[in-house]
């Protein structure tokens, strides 16, 4: 086994499933191990008025850098020294498949990414699904249905607005995690 090879971990699921919380756990773990971590967030992700990785319950990490394209990472002063690269809002990075593979295969980086498993139409979103075959580990999280409110698992993100743009950043006023029944039926 080559101990110098990189790896790719995916954390996927609908909104409110705890993807950002899982990333924050990974950040704490690797900080404890004294690993050099480079944390990336997408420039579009400012839903709580901040550029931090932040959970819906407002727990955050201050150390992230904002990028529009992942290829910008190569220009960052801490890139070569980093052991672990954390990527939030994976679905928004248009070059995710190419760059994440390069990070793991060519630069031997341990890459941990979090993104939506599908868009509000239940369609693939960005390069998330393309990365599944090359991932070393996949964690598929579920939320709880925000309409059932009885512990029913929610696998889908339902949009509650007339806007049909695929990329629409929002929170509870725009999106809810729902079960299959509530995805398919008006609420």
Protein backbone atom coordinates (compact mmCIF):
# COMPACT_ATOMS: atom_id res chain seq x y z
CA UNK A 1 0.00 0.00 0.00
CA UNK A 2 1.36 3.42 -0.98
CA UNK A 3 1.08 5.61 2.11
CA UNK A 4 1.80 8.71 0.02
CA UNK A 5 -1.26 8.41 -2.17
CA UNK A 6 -4.12 10.84 -1.84
CA UNK A 7 -7.76 10.05 -1.26
CA UNK A 8 -11.21 11.46 -1.87
CA UNK A 9 -14.05 11.45 0.66
CA UNK A 10 -17.54 12.60 -0.24
CA UNK A 11 -20.16 13.71 2.26
CA UNK A 12 -23.47 14.03 0.43
CA UNK A 13 -27.14 14.46 1.22
CA UNK A 14 -30.04 16.90 1.06
CA UNK A 15 -30.07 20.27 2.77
CA UNK A 16 -30.19 20.11 6.60
CA UNK A 17 -28.62 16.63 6.70
CA UNK A 18 -25.52 17.77 8.62
CA UNK A 19 -22.94 17.89 5.82
CA UNK A 20 -21.27 21.05 7.14
CA UNK A 21 -21.33 19.62 10.66
CA UNK A 22 -19.46 16.55 9.37
CA UNK A 23 -16.88 18.80 7.70
CA UNK A 24 -16.36 20.69 10.96
CA UNK A 25 -15.80 17.36 12.76
CA UNK A 26 -13.17 16.41 10.17
CA UNK A 27 -11.48 19.80 10.54
CA UNK A 28 -11.28 19.39 14.34
CA UNK A 29 -9.92 15.86 13.93
CA UNK A 30 -7.13 16.86 11.55
CA UNK A 31 -6.26 19.95 13.59
CA UNK A 32 -5.86 17.66 16.61
CA UNK A 33 -3.51 15.50 14.51
CA UNK A 34 -1.52 18.66 13.60
CA UNK A 35 -2.22 18.24 9.90
CA UNK A 36 -2.03 21.25 7.62
CA UNK A 37 -5.56 21.92 6.40
CA UNK A 38 -6.73 24.10 3.54
CA UNK A 39 -10.46 24.86 3.79
CA UNK A 40 -12.34 26.00 0.70
CA UNK A 41 -15.81 27.45 0.37
CA UNK A 42 -17.49 28.66 -2.81
CA UNK A 43 -17.91 32.39 -3.34
CA UNK A 44 -21.65 31.92 -3.88
CA UNK A 45 -22.13 30.51 -0.37
CA UNK A 46 -22.84 33.60 1.71
CA UNK A 47 -26.36 32.63 2.84
CA UNK A 48 -25.72 33.70 6.45
CA UNK A 49 -23.84 36.84 5.52
CA UNK A 50 -20.42 35.26 6.01
CA UNK A 51 -17.72 33.56 3.98
CA UNK A 52 -17.13 30.91 6.68
CA UNK A 53 -18.15 27.29 6.61
CA UNK A 54 -21.24 27.58 8.76
CA UNK A 55 -23.93 25.13 9.76
CA UNK A 56 -27.62 26.00 9.70
CA UNK A 57 -27.46 26.28 13.50
CA UNK A 58 -24.65 28.86 13.12
CA UNK A 59 -21.61 26.81 14.21
CA UNK A 60 -18.71 27.92 12.05
CA UNK A 61 -15.07 27.63 11.08
CA UNK A 62 -13.22 30.88 10.39
CA UNK A 63 -10.31 29.54 8.35
CA UNK A 64 -11.87 29.10 4.91
CA UNK A 65 -10.86 30.73 1.67
CA UNK A 66 -13.40 31.61 -0.99
CA UNK A 67 -12.94 30.36 -4.55
CA UNK A 68 -15.11 30.44 -7.65
CA UNK A 69 -13.17 27.66 -9.40
CA UNK A 70 -11.17 24.96 -7.66
CA UNK A 71 -8.23 25.47 -10.03
CA UNK A 72 -7.58 28.71 -8.12
CA UNK A 73 -6.28 26.52 -5.28
CA UNK A 74 -3.00 26.06 -7.14
CA UNK A 75 -2.26 29.77 -6.67
CA UNK A 76 -2.87 29.71 -2.92
CA UNK A 77 0.27 30.05 -0.82
CA UNK A 78 -0.68 27.16 1.51
CA UNK A 79 -1.62 24.67 -1.22
CA UNK A 80 1.62 22.68 -1.52
CA UNK A 81 2.09 22.47 2.25
CA UNK A 82 -1.43 21.23 2.96
CA UNK A 83 -2.09 17.63 3.94
CA UNK A 84 -5.88 17.82 3.92
CA UNK A 85 -8.16 19.87 1.67
CA UNK A 86 -11.72 20.47 2.82
CA UNK A 87 -14.27 21.60 0.22
CA UNK A 88 -17.71 22.96 1.18
CA UNK A 89 -20.59 23.37 -1.31
CA UNK A 90 -19.02 20.97 -3.80
CA UNK A 91 -21.95 21.20 -6.22
CA UNK A 92 -21.11 24.81 -7.13
CA UNK A 93 -17.58 24.13 -8.38
CA UNK A 94 -17.77 23.61 -12.16
CA UNK A 95 -14.26 22.10 -12.29
CA UNK A 96 -14.65 19.81 -9.26
CA UNK A 97 -14.20 16.45 -11.00
CA UNK A 98 -10.97 17.38 -12.77
CA UNK A 99 -9.33 19.28 -9.92
CA UNK A 100 -10.30 16.94 -7.07
CA UNK A 101 -8.90 13.98 -9.01
CA UNK A 102 -5.67 15.92 -9.60
CA UNK A 103 -5.44 16.85 -5.92
CA UNK A 104 -5.68 13.20 -4.86
CA UNK A 105 -3.85 11.48 -7.73
CA UNK A 106 -1.12 13.94 -8.68
CA UNK A 107 -0.56 15.86 -5.43
CA UNK A 108 -1.40 13.07 -2.92
CA UNK A 109 -3.83 15.25 -0.98
CA UNK A 110 -6.54 13.89 1.27
CA UNK A 111 -9.64 15.69 -0.06
CA UNK A 112 -12.88 15.80 1.91
CA UNK A 113 -15.84 17.34 0.07
CA UNK A 114 -19.42 18.05 1.07
CA UNK A 115 -22.23 18.73 -1.35
CA UNK A 116 -25.84 18.15 -2.22
CA UNK A 117 -26.74 14.68 -3.47
CA UNK A 118 -29.20 16.27 -5.92
CA UNK A 119 -30.86 19.55 -6.74
CA UNK A 120 -34.43 20.55 -5.86
CA UNK A 121 -35.63 18.66 -8.96
CA UNK A 122 -33.86 15.47 -7.74
CA UNK A 123 -31.36 15.76 -10.58
CA UNK A 124 -27.55 15.49 -10.36
CA UNK A 125 -26.03 18.76 -9.19
CA UNK A 126 -22.60 19.77 -10.46
CA UNK A 127 -19.87 17.13 -10.35
CA UNK A 128 -21.04 15.47 -7.12
CA UNK A 129 -22.37 12.29 -8.80
CA UNK A 130 -19.39 12.13 -11.19
CA UNK A 131 -17.06 11.88 -8.19
CA UNK A 132 -18.77 8.83 -6.68
CA UNK A 133 -16.84 6.26 -8.81
CA UNK A 134 -13.46 7.78 -7.85
CA UNK A 135 -14.21 8.33 -4.15
CA UNK A 136 -12.46 6.25 -1.50
CA UNK A 137 -15.25 6.87 0.99
CA UNK A 138 -18.83 8.11 0.62
CA UNK A 139 -21.04 9.19 3.49
CA UNK A 140 -24.64 9.67 2.41
CA UNK A 141 -26.49 11.57 5.11
CA UNK A 142 -30.23 12.01 5.54
CA UNK A 143 -32.12 14.79 7.26
CA UNK A 144 -35.46 14.53 9.03
CA UNK A 145 -38.57 15.50 7.13
CA UNK A 146 -39.40 19.06 8.10
CA UNK A 147 -43.09 18.46 7.36
CA UNK A 148 -43.68 15.06 9.00
CA UNK A 149 -41.81 16.17 12.14
CA UNK A 150 -41.95 12.61 13.48
CA UNK A 151 -38.41 11.44 12.72
CA UNK A 152 -39.14 10.31 9.15
CA UNK A 153 -35.96 10.40 7.06
CA UNK A 154 -35.68 13.10 4.44
CA UNK A 155 -33.64 12.31 1.36
CA UNK A 156 -34.70 15.26 -0.76
CA UNK A 157 -34.49 19.04 -0.82
CA UNK A 158 -37.73 20.75 -1.80
CA UNK A 159 -37.78 24.36 -2.91
CA UNK A 160 -40.61 26.60 -1.76
CA UNK A 161 -40.31 29.47 -4.22
CA UNK A 162 -41.23 30.11 -7.83
CA UNK A 163 -37.59 30.64 -8.85
CA UNK A 164 -36.45 27.76 -11.08
CA UNK A 165 -32.73 28.61 -11.31
CA UNK A 166 -30.64 25.58 -10.37
CA UNK A 167 -28.22 27.70 -8.36
CA UNK A 168 -30.24 29.61 -5.79
CA UNK A 169 -28.60 29.95 -2.41
CA UNK A 170 -31.09 30.01 0.42
CA UNK A 171 -31.99 28.62 3.80
CA UNK A 172 -35.22 27.72 5.62
CA UNK A 173 -37.21 30.42 3.82
CA UNK A 174 -36.45 28.76 0.47
CA UNK A 175 -35.74 25.07 1.08
CA UNK A 176 -36.91 22.22 3.29
CA UNK A 177 -35.65 18.68 3.71
CA UNK A 178 -38.52 16.32 2.92
CA UNK A 179 -39.38 12.64 2.67
CA UNK A 180 -40.49 11.09 -0.61
CA UNK A 181 -44.19 11.56 0.19
CA UNK A 182 -43.83 15.27 0.87
CA UNK A 183 -41.56 15.76 -2.11
CA UNK A 184 -44.22 14.34 -4.42
CA UNK A 185 -47.24 15.97 -2.77
CA UNK A 186 -48.06 19.63 -2.29
CA UNK A 187 -47.68 20.81 1.25
